[in-house]
Amino acid sequence: MTGKKGEAPTGGLTGIAIRQDILRQAQVSGLDIAEICNRALAHATGIPYTKEGAEPEEPPAPVIVAKDGAAARAPGAALASSPDNLRPVINADDPRAASAVKQVPRPAKRTVPAALPGRAPVPEKSPATPPPAASAPVKKEKTPARKKPAKSGKGQALKRFITEATIRGDTEDDHVTKEALYQAFTRWCREHRITPVPEKKTVTVALKNQFAIKEKSLDGEPSWINIRLR
């Protein structure tokens, strides 16, 4: 390891390769190469680094400079003779310093009058209390309305059913039993959400009187002729 001129290296000696330009610049700058390398290696290995041979400097003792033959003065006399009313410096090493400090008179505590004569005291202003923040109104969530089943007249529902779900014919081959037609009409009403479903007797009267559909018994079953389901 390369160090400064005139310094003896301490600790184990280890040779390292330093670039010539870096070494030359470090020597020109007067850097302590050994110090820098040791500090960097201590930081890299996690070891606390302290510079060897460094001793803490003690602060110099206070010195009071006085003219030759000058008589010692008490602290009170020095304060009274000072034109700027400055306090003298007391040497802590002087055994008489403790008694000298006790002899220095302390300034009287100045009392501040509550109010000037002839003037009323100004009352202190209390901090203004901020008004309470108004709470935002809570919005009620609207419940979606349920879809109500469609209400239709008996005649209108039956008319739509005849138009959409049946086929009219000209012969008796086009027929359907009364029970089958009414069951088909009931299912159609449920699918189209039509309530209430007309009664079977009401449907029978409407088919005969309003739609002029003929009825006949076929194979012992009451049936409607000239009409069939789609």
C-alpha atoms as a PDB file:
ATOM      1  CA  MET A   1       0.000   0.000   0.000  1.00  0.00           C
ATOM      2  CA  THR A   2       1.322   3.448  -0.870  1.00  0.00           C
ATOM      3  CA  GLY A   3       1.165   6.208   1.732  1.00  0.00           C
ATOM      4  CA  LYS A   4       2.384   9.766   2.165  1.00  0.00           C
ATOM      5  CA  LYS A   5       6.072  10.606   2.084  1.00  0.00           C
ATOM      6  CA  GLY A   6       7.747  10.400   5.434  1.00  0.00           C
ATOM      7  CA  GLU A   7       4.988   8.300   7.077  1.00  0.00           C
ATOM      8  CA  ALA A   8       5.661   4.785   8.335  1.00  0.00           C
ATOM      9  CA  PRO A   9       2.857   2.375   7.424  1.00  0.00           C
ATOM     10  CA  THR A  10       1.115   0.675  10.371  1.00  0.00           C
ATOM     11  CA  GLY A  11      -0.492  -2.738  10.532  1.00  0.00           C
ATOM     12  CA  GLY A  12      -0.043  -5.491   7.944  1.00  0.00           C
ATOM     13  CA  LEU A  13       1.454  -4.506   4.639  1.00  0.00           C
ATOM     14  CA  THR A  14      -0.431  -5.471   1.462  1.00  0.00           C
ATOM     15  CA  GLY A  15       0.526  -4.539  -2.056  1.00  0.00           C
ATOM     16  CA  ILE A  16      -2.240  -3.206  -4.311  1.00  0.00           C
ATOM     17  CA  ALA A  17      -2.135  -1.999  -7.922  1.00  0.00           C
ATOM     18  CA  ILE A  18      -3.071   1.671  -8.364  1.00  0.00           C
ATOM     19  CA  ARG A  19      -3.369   3.251 -11.766  1.00  0.00           C
ATOM     20  CA  GLN A  20      -0.594   5.672 -12.491  1.00  0.00           C
ATOM     21  CA  ASP A  21      -2.893   8.586 -13.337  1.00  0.00           C
ATOM     22  CA  ILE A  22      -4.904   8.113 -10.123  1.00  0.00           C
ATOM     23  CA  LEU A  23      -1.745   7.791  -8.007  1.00  0.00           C
ATOM     24  CA  ARG A  24      -0.179  10.864  -9.584  1.00  0.00           C
ATOM     25  CA  GLN A  25      -3.309  12.962  -9.032  1.00  0.00           C
ATOM     26  CA  ALA A  26      -3.638  11.755  -5.413  1.00  0.00           C
ATOM     27  CA  GLN A  27      -0.025  12.702  -4.692  1.00  0.00           C
ATOM     28  CA  VAL A  28      -0.462  16.122  -6.324  1.00  0.00           C
ATOM     29  CA  SER A  29      -3.603  16.696  -4.221  1.00  0.00           C
ATOM     30  CA  GLY A  30      -1.758  15.671  -1.030  1.00  0.00           C
ATOM     31  CA  LEU A  31      -4.210  12.895  -0.177  1.00  0.00           C
ATOM     32  CA  ASP A  32      -3.490  10.283   2.478  1.00  0.00           C
ATOM     33  CA  ILE A  33      -3.815   7.153   0.329  1.00  0.00           C
ATOM     34  CA  ALA A  34      -3.461   4.730   3.237  1.00  0.00           C
ATOM     35  CA  GLU A  35      -6.148   6.575   5.231  1.00  0.00           C
ATOM     36  CA  ILE A  36      -8.594   6.564   2.292  1.00  0.00           C
ATOM     37  CA  CYS A  37      -8.020   2.846   1.555  1.00  0.00           C
ATOM     38  CA  ASN A  38      -8.429   1.816   5.203  1.00  0.00           C
ATOM     39  CA  ARG A  39     -11.618   3.851   5.569  1.00  0.00           C
ATOM     40  CA  ALA A  40     -13.107   2.374   2.354  1.00  0.00           C
ATOM     41  CA  LEU A  41     -12.246  -1.221   3.372  1.00  0.00           C
ATOM     42  CA  ALA A  42     -13.656  -0.711   6.890  1.00  0.00           C
ATOM     43  CA  HIS A  43     -16.915   0.600   5.393  1.00  0.00           C
ATOM     44  CA  ALA A  44     -17.107  -2.348   2.960  1.00  0.00           C
ATOM     45  CA  THR A  45     -16.538  -4.950   5.712  1.00  0.00           C
ATOM     46  CA  GLY A  46     -18.776  -3.262   8.305  1.00  0.00           C
ATOM     47  CA  ILE A  47     -15.985  -2.510  10.784  1.00  0.00           C
ATOM     48  CA  PRO A  48     -16.169   0.802  12.729  1.00  0.00           C
ATOM     49  CA  TYR A  49     -13.222   2.870  11.632  1.00  0.00           C
ATOM     50  CA  THR A  50     -11.137   5.137  13.881  1.00  0.00           C
ATOM     51  CA  LYS A  51      -7.945   6.760  12.771  1.00  0.00           C
ATOM     52  CA  GLU A  52      -4.943   5.386  14.635  1.00  0.00           C
ATOM     53  CA  GLY A  53      -2.886   7.819  16.722  1.00  0.00           C
ATOM     54  CA  ALA A  54      -5.638  10.469  16.771  1.00  0.00           C
ATOM     55  CA  GLU A  55      -6.139  11.911  20.253  1.00  0.00           C
ATOM     56  CA  PRO A  56      -8.941  14.297  21.173  1.00  0.00           C
ATOM     57  CA  GLU A  57      -7.759  17.836  21.571  1.00  0.00           C
ATOM     58  CA  GLU A  58      -8.467  19.436  24.925  1.00  0.00           C
ATOM     59  CA  PRO A  59      -9.786  22.998  24.876  1.00  0.00           C
ATOM     60  CA  PRO A  60      -7.219  25.519  26.087  1.00  0.00           C
ATOM     61  CA  ALA A  61      -7.632  26.873  29.588  1.00  0.00           C
ATOM     62  CA  PRO A  62      -9.046  30.409  29.750  1.00  0.00           C
ATOM     63  CA  VAL A  63      -6.391  33.070  30.250  1.00  0.00           C
ATOM     64  CA  ILE A  64      -6.958  36.543  31.650  1.00  0.00           C
ATOM     65  CA  VAL A  65      -4.514  39.084  30.290  1.00  0.00           C
ATOM     66  CA  ALA A  66      -3.812  42.090  32.546  1.00  0.00           C
ATOM     67  CA  LYS A  67      -1.181  44.810  32.629  1.00  0.00           C
ATOM     68  CA  ASP A  68       1.879  44.371  34.782  1.00  0.00           C
ATOM     69  CA  GLY A  69       1.371  45.748  38.282  1.00  0.00           C
ATOM     70  CA  ALA A  70      -2.415  46.100  37.910  1.00  0.00           C
ATOM     71  CA  ALA A  71      -4.285  45.607  41.202  1.00  0.00           C
ATOM     72  CA  ALA A  72      -6.928  42.926  41.460  1.00  0.00           C
ATOM     73  CA  ARG A  73     -10.482  44.228  41.515  1.00  0.00           C
ATOM     74  CA  ALA A  74     -13.593  42.699  42.941  1.00  0.00           C
ATOM     75  CA  PRO A  75     -16.289  41.759  40.417  1.00  0.00           C
ATOM     76  CA  GLY A  76     -18.618  44.445  41.735  1.00  0.00           C
ATOM     77  CA  ALA A  77     -15.977  47.150  41.315  1.00  0.00           C
ATOM     78  CA  ALA A  78     -15.165  45.967  37.783  1.00  0.00           C
ATOM     79  CA  LEU A  79     -18.828  46.147  36.816  1.00  0.00           C
ATOM     80  CA  ALA A  80     -19.214  49.628  38.279  1.00  0.00           C
ATOM     81  CA  SER A  81     -16.097  50.945  36.513  1.00  0.00           C
ATOM     82  CA  SER A  82     -17.065  49.492  33.112  1.00  0.00           C
ATOM     83  CA  PRO A  83     -18.364  52.299  30.879  1.00  0.00           C
ATOM     84  CA  ASP A  84     -20.499  49.885  28.819  1.00  0.00           C
ATOM     85  CA  ASN A  85     -21.875  48.115  31.916  1.00  0.00           C
ATOM     86  CA  LEU A  86     -20.301  44.827  30.735  1.00  0.00           C
ATOM     87  CA  ARG A  87     -19.655  41.967  33.145  1.00  0.00           C
ATOM     88  CA  PRO A  88     -16.035  40.846  33.648  1.00  0.00           C
ATOM     89  CA  VAL A  89     -14.802  37.417  32.606  1.00  0.00           C
ATOM     90  CA  ILE A  90     -14.350  35.121  35.621  1.00  0.00           C
ATOM     91  CA  ASN A  91     -11.663  32.451  35.556  1.00  0.00           C
ATOM     92  CA  ALA A  92     -13.142  29.091  36.633  1.00  0.00           C
ATOM     93  CA  ASP A  93      -9.734  27.959  37.895  1.00  0.00           C
ATOM     94  CA  ASP A  94      -9.592  30.829  40.369  1.00  0.00           C
ATOM     95  CA  PRO A  95     -10.574  29.539  43.880  1.00  0.00           C
ATOM     96  CA  ARG A  96     -12.201  32.888  44.599  1.00  0.00           C
ATOM     97  CA  ALA A  97     -14.547  32.629  41.592  1.00  0.00           C
ATOM     98  CA  ALA A  98     -17.456  31.086  43.548  1.00  0.00           C
ATOM     99  CA  SER A  99     -17.555  33.892  46.126  1.00  0.00           C
ATOM    100  CA  ALA A 100     -17.091  36.483  43.396  1.00  0.00           C
ATOM    101  CA  VAL A 101     -20.149  35.188  41.507  1.00  0.00           C
ATOM    102  CA  LYS A 102     -22.271  35.429  44.660  1.00  0.00           C
ATOM    103  CA  GLN A 103     -21.191  39.052  45.129  1.00  0.00           C
ATOM    104  CA  VAL A 104     -22.382  40.169  41.695  1.00  0.00           C
ATOM    105  CA  PRO A 105     -25.795  41.836  42.211  1.00  0.00           C
ATOM    106  CA  ARG A 106     -28.601  40.455  40.095  1.00  0.00           C
ATOM    107  CA  PRO A 107     -30.842  42.877  38.213  1.00  0.00           C
ATOM    108  CA  ALA A 108     -34.199  43.486  39.826  1.00  0.00           C
ATOM    109  CA  LYS A 109     -37.149  41.773  38.145  1.00  0.00           C
ATOM    110  CA  ARG A 110     -39.046  44.243  36.062  1.00  0.00           C
ATOM    111  CA  THR A 111     -42.788  44.275  36.615  1.00  0.00           C
ATOM    112  CA  VAL A 112     -44.965  45.083  33.645  1.00  0.00           C
ATOM    113  CA  PRO A 113     -48.072  47.131  34.545  1.00  0.00           C
ATOM    114  CA  ALA A 114     -51.390  45.518  33.607  1.00  0.00           C
ATOM    115  CA  ALA A 115     -52.501  48.741  31.922  1.00  0.00           C
ATOM    116  CA  LEU A 116     -51.121  52.199  31.335  1.00  0.00           C
ATOM    117  CA  PRO A 117     -52.511  54.938  33.618  1.00  0.00           C
ATOM    118  CA  GLY A 118     -55.531  56.640  32.153  1.00  0.00           C
ATOM    119  CA  ARG A 119     -56.268  53.794  29.700  1.00  0.00           C
ATOM    120  CA  ALA A 120     -58.690  50.912  30.048  1.00  0.00           C
ATOM    121  CA  PRO A 121     -57.175  47.455  29.593  1.00  0.00           C
ATOM    122  CA  VAL A 122     -57.870  45.914  26.219  1.00  0.00           C
ATOM    123  CA  PRO A 123     -59.743  42.603  26.640  1.00  0.00           C
ATOM    124  CA  GLU A 124     -58.104  39.635  25.019  1.00  0.00           C
ATOM    125  CA  LYS A 125     -59.891  38.274  22.004  1.00  0.00           C
ATOM    126  CA  SER A 126     -60.860  34.654  22.244  1.00  0.00           C
ATOM    127  CA  PRO A 127     -60.291  32.613  19.098  1.00  0.00           C
ATOM    128  CA  ALA A 128     -63.378  32.427  16.953  1.00  0.00           C
ATOM    129  CA  THR A 129     -65.050  29.048  17.031  1.00  0.00           C
ATOM    130  CA  PRO A 130     -65.607  27.788  13.480  1.00  0.00           C
ATOM    131  CA  PRO A 131     -69.259  26.999  12.695  1.00  0.00           C
ATOM    132  CA  PRO A 132     -70.107  23.295  12.655  1.00  0.00           C
ATOM    133  CA  ALA A 133     -69.839  21.768   9.240  1.00  0.00           C
ATOM    134  CA  ALA A 134     -73.208  21.001   7.743  1.00  0.00           C
ATOM    135  CA  SER A 135     -73.600  17.330   7.115  1.00  0.00           C
ATOM    136  CA  ALA A 136     -74.426  16.411   3.558  1.00  0.00           C
ATOM    137  CA  PRO A 137     -77.932  14.987   3.107  1.00  0.00           C
ATOM    138  CA  VAL A 138     -77.945  11.253   2.726  1.00  0.00           C
ATOM    139  CA  LYS A 139     -79.426  10.201  -0.581  1.00  0.00           C
ATOM    140  CA  LYS A 140     -81.843   7.332  -0.376  1.00  0.00           C
ATOM    141  CA  GLU A 141     -81.316   4.684  -2.960  1.00  0.00           C
ATOM    142  CA  LYS A 142     -84.349   4.153  -5.100  1.00  0.00           C
ATOM    143  CA  THR A 143     -85.640   0.625  -5.174  1.00  0.00           C
ATOM    144  CA  PRO A 144     -86.419  -0.389  -8.739  1.00  0.00           C
ATOM    145  CA  ALA A 145     -90.148  -0.816  -9.132  1.00  0.00           C
ATOM    146  CA  ARG A 146     -91.295  -4.282  -9.902  1.00  0.00           C
ATOM    147  CA  LYS A 147     -92.837  -4.836 -13.241  1.00  0.00           C
ATOM    148  CA  LYS A 148     -96.513  -5.282 -12.755  1.00  0.00           C
ATOM    149  CA  PRO A 149     -98.257  -7.920 -14.813  1.00  0.00           C
ATOM    150  CA  ALA A 150    -100.193  -6.525 -17.705  1.00  0.00           C
ATOM    151  CA  LYS A 151    -103.872  -6.214 -17.129  1.00  0.00           C
ATOM    152  CA  SER A 152    -106.031  -6.643 -20.135  1.00  0.00           C
ATOM    153  CA  GLY A 153    -109.703  -7.018 -20.699  1.00  0.00           C
ATOM    154  CA  LYS A 154    -111.119 -10.507 -21.113  1.00  0.00           C
ATOM    155  CA  GLY A 155    -112.162  -9.851 -24.654  1.00  0.00           C
ATOM    156  CA  GLN A 156    -108.804  -8.290 -25.654  1.00  0.00           C
ATOM    157  CA  ALA A 157    -106.762 -11.193 -24.194  1.00  0.00           C
ATOM    158  CA  LEU A 158    -108.934 -13.801 -25.911  1.00  0.00           C
ATOM    159  CA  LYS A 159    -108.828 -11.866 -29.181  1.00  0.00           C
ATOM    160  CA  ARG A 160    -104.997 -11.774 -29.141  1.00  0.00           C
ATOM    161  CA  PHE A 161    -104.884 -15.474 -28.323  1.00  0.00           C
ATOM    162  CA  ILE A 162    -107.206 -16.394 -31.238  1.00  0.00           C
ATOM    163  CA  THR A 163    -105.089 -14.218 -33.602  1.00  0.00           C
ATOM    164  CA  GLU A 164    -101.650 -15.425 -32.464  1.00  0.00           C
ATOM    165  CA  ALA A 165    -102.166 -19.044 -31.353  1.00  0.00           C
ATOM    166  CA  THR A 166    -104.952 -20.477 -33.556  1.00  0.00           C
ATOM    167  CA  ILE A 167    -105.775 -21.000 -37.228  1.00  0.00           C
ATOM    168  CA  ARG A 168    -109.306 -20.830 -38.600  1.00  0.00           C
ATOM    169  CA  GLY A 169    -110.463 -23.565 -41.039  1.00  0.00           C
ATOM    170  CA  ASP A 170    -113.464 -24.379 -43.244  1.00  0.00           C
ATOM    171  CA  THR A 171    -113.979 -28.088 -42.466  1.00  0.00           C
ATOM    172  CA  GLU A 172    -114.567 -30.217 -39.425  1.00  0.00           C
ATOM    173  CA  ASP A 173    -111.071 -31.620 -39.825  1.00  0.00           C
ATOM    174  CA  ASP A 174    -109.923 -28.347 -38.271  1.00  0.00           C
ATOM    175  CA  HIS A 175    -111.030 -28.873 -34.707  1.00  0.00           C
ATOM    176  CA  VAL A 176    -109.736 -28.846 -31.115  1.00  0.00           C
ATOM    177  CA  THR A 177    -111.288 -30.031 -27.896  1.00  0.00           C
ATOM    178  CA  LYS A 178    -112.619 -27.391 -25.547  1.00  0.00           C
ATOM    179  CA  GLU A 179    -110.327 -28.579 -22.764  1.00  0.00           C
ATOM    180  CA  ALA A 180    -107.185 -28.456 -24.963  1.00  0.00           C
ATOM    181  CA  LEU A 181    -108.009 -24.958 -26.227  1.00  0.00           C
ATOM    182  CA  TYR A 182    -108.641 -23.633 -22.720  1.00  0.00           C
ATOM    183  CA  GLN A 183    -105.378 -25.143 -21.390  1.00  0.00           C
ATOM    184  CA  ALA A 184    -103.486 -23.532 -24.298  1.00  0.00           C
ATOM    185  CA  PHE A 185    -105.175 -20.211 -23.561  1.00  0.00           C
ATOM    186  CA  THR A 186    -104.199 -20.454 -19.849  1.00  0.00           C
ATOM    187  CA  ARG A 187    -100.523 -21.081 -20.721  1.00  0.00           C
ATOM    188  CA  TRP A 188    -100.573 -18.177 -23.177  1.00  0.00           C
ATOM    189  CA  CYS A 189    -101.911 -15.828 -20.478  1.00  0.00           C
ATOM    190  CA  ARG A 190     -99.152 -16.854 -18.036  1.00  0.00           C
ATOM    191  CA  GLU A 191     -96.458 -16.311 -20.696  1.00  0.00           C
ATOM    192  CA  HIS A 192     -97.795 -12.844 -21.461  1.00  0.00           C
ATOM    193  CA  ARG A 193     -98.300 -12.003 -17.750  1.00  0.00           C
ATOM    194  CA  ILE A 194    -102.022 -11.434 -18.175  1.00  0.00           C
ATOM    195  CA  THR A 195    -103.945 -11.661 -14.917  1.00  0.00           C
ATOM    196  CA  PRO A 196    -106.428 -12.775 -13.911  1.00  0.00           C
ATOM    197  CA  VAL A 197    -106.956 -15.625 -16.364  1.00  0.00           C
ATOM    198  CA  PRO A 198    -110.598 -15.677 -17.511  1.00  0.00           C
ATOM    199  CA  GLU A 199    -112.634 -18.648 -16.347  1.00  0.00           C
ATOM    200  CA  LYS A 200    -113.430 -21.530 -18.681  1.00  0.00           C
ATOM    201  CA  LYS A 201    -117.157 -20.691 -18.803  1.00  0.00           C
ATOM    202  CA  THR A 202    -116.375 -17.066 -19.731  1.00  0.00           C
ATOM    203  CA  VAL A 203    -114.088 -18.219 -22.561  1.00  0.00           C
ATOM    204  CA  THR A 204    -116.739 -20.621 -23.877  1.00  0.00           C
ATOM    205  CA  VAL A 205    -119.430 -17.895 -24.011  1.00  0.00           C
ATOM    206  CA  ALA A 206    -117.053 -15.423 -25.715  1.00  0.00           C
ATOM    207  CA  LEU A 207    -115.978 -17.957 -28.384  1.00  0.00           C
ATOM    208  CA  LYS A 208    -119.578 -18.672 -29.309  1.00  0.00           C
ATOM    209  CA  ASN A 209    -121.023 -15.149 -29.149  1.00  0.00           C
ATOM    210  CA  GLN A 210    -118.063 -12.871 -29.982  1.00  0.00           C
ATOM    211  CA  PHE A 211    -116.051 -15.040 -32.403  1.00  0.00           C
ATOM    212  CA  ALA A 212    -118.891 -17.191 -33.758  1.00  0.00           C
ATOM    213  CA  ILE A 213    -116.973 -20.449 -33.369  1.00  0.00           C
ATOM    214  CA  LYS A 214    -119.137 -23.549 -33.607  1.00  0.00           C
ATOM    215  CA  GLU A 215    -119.047 -26.340 -31.071  1.00  0.00           C
ATOM    216  CA  LYS A 216    -119.635 -30.051 -31.652  1.00  0.00           C
ATOM    217  CA  SER A 217    -119.058 -33.348 -29.842  1.00  0.00           C
ATOM    218  CA  LEU A 218    -116.441 -35.431 -31.679  1.00  0.00           C
ATOM    219  CA  ASP A 219    -115.662 -38.933 -30.427  1.00  0.00           C
ATOM    220  CA  GLY A 220    -117.508 -38.121 -27.235  1.00  0.00           C
ATOM    221  CA  GLU A 221    -115.410 -34.954 -26.558  1.00  0.00           C
ATOM    222  CA  PRO A 222    -116.894 -31.445 -26.604  1.00  0.00           C
ATOM    223  CA  SER A 223    -114.896 -29.677 -29.320  1.00  0.00           C
ATOM    224  CA  TRP A 224    -114.605 -26.498 -31.340  1.00  0.00           C
ATOM    225  CA  ILE A 225    -114.777 -26.943 -35.100  1.00  0.00           C
ATOM    226  CA  ASN A 226    -113.375 -24.842 -37.944  1.00  0.00           C
ATOM    227  CA  ILE A 227    -110.410 -23.884 -35.652  1.00  0.00           C
ATOM    228  CA  ARG A 228    -107.158 -25.508 -34.512  1.00  0.00           C
ATOM    229  CA  LEU A 229    -104.071 -24.619 -32.508  1.00  0.00           C
ATOM    230  CA  ARG A 230    -100.911 -23.511 -34.276  1.00  0.00           C
END
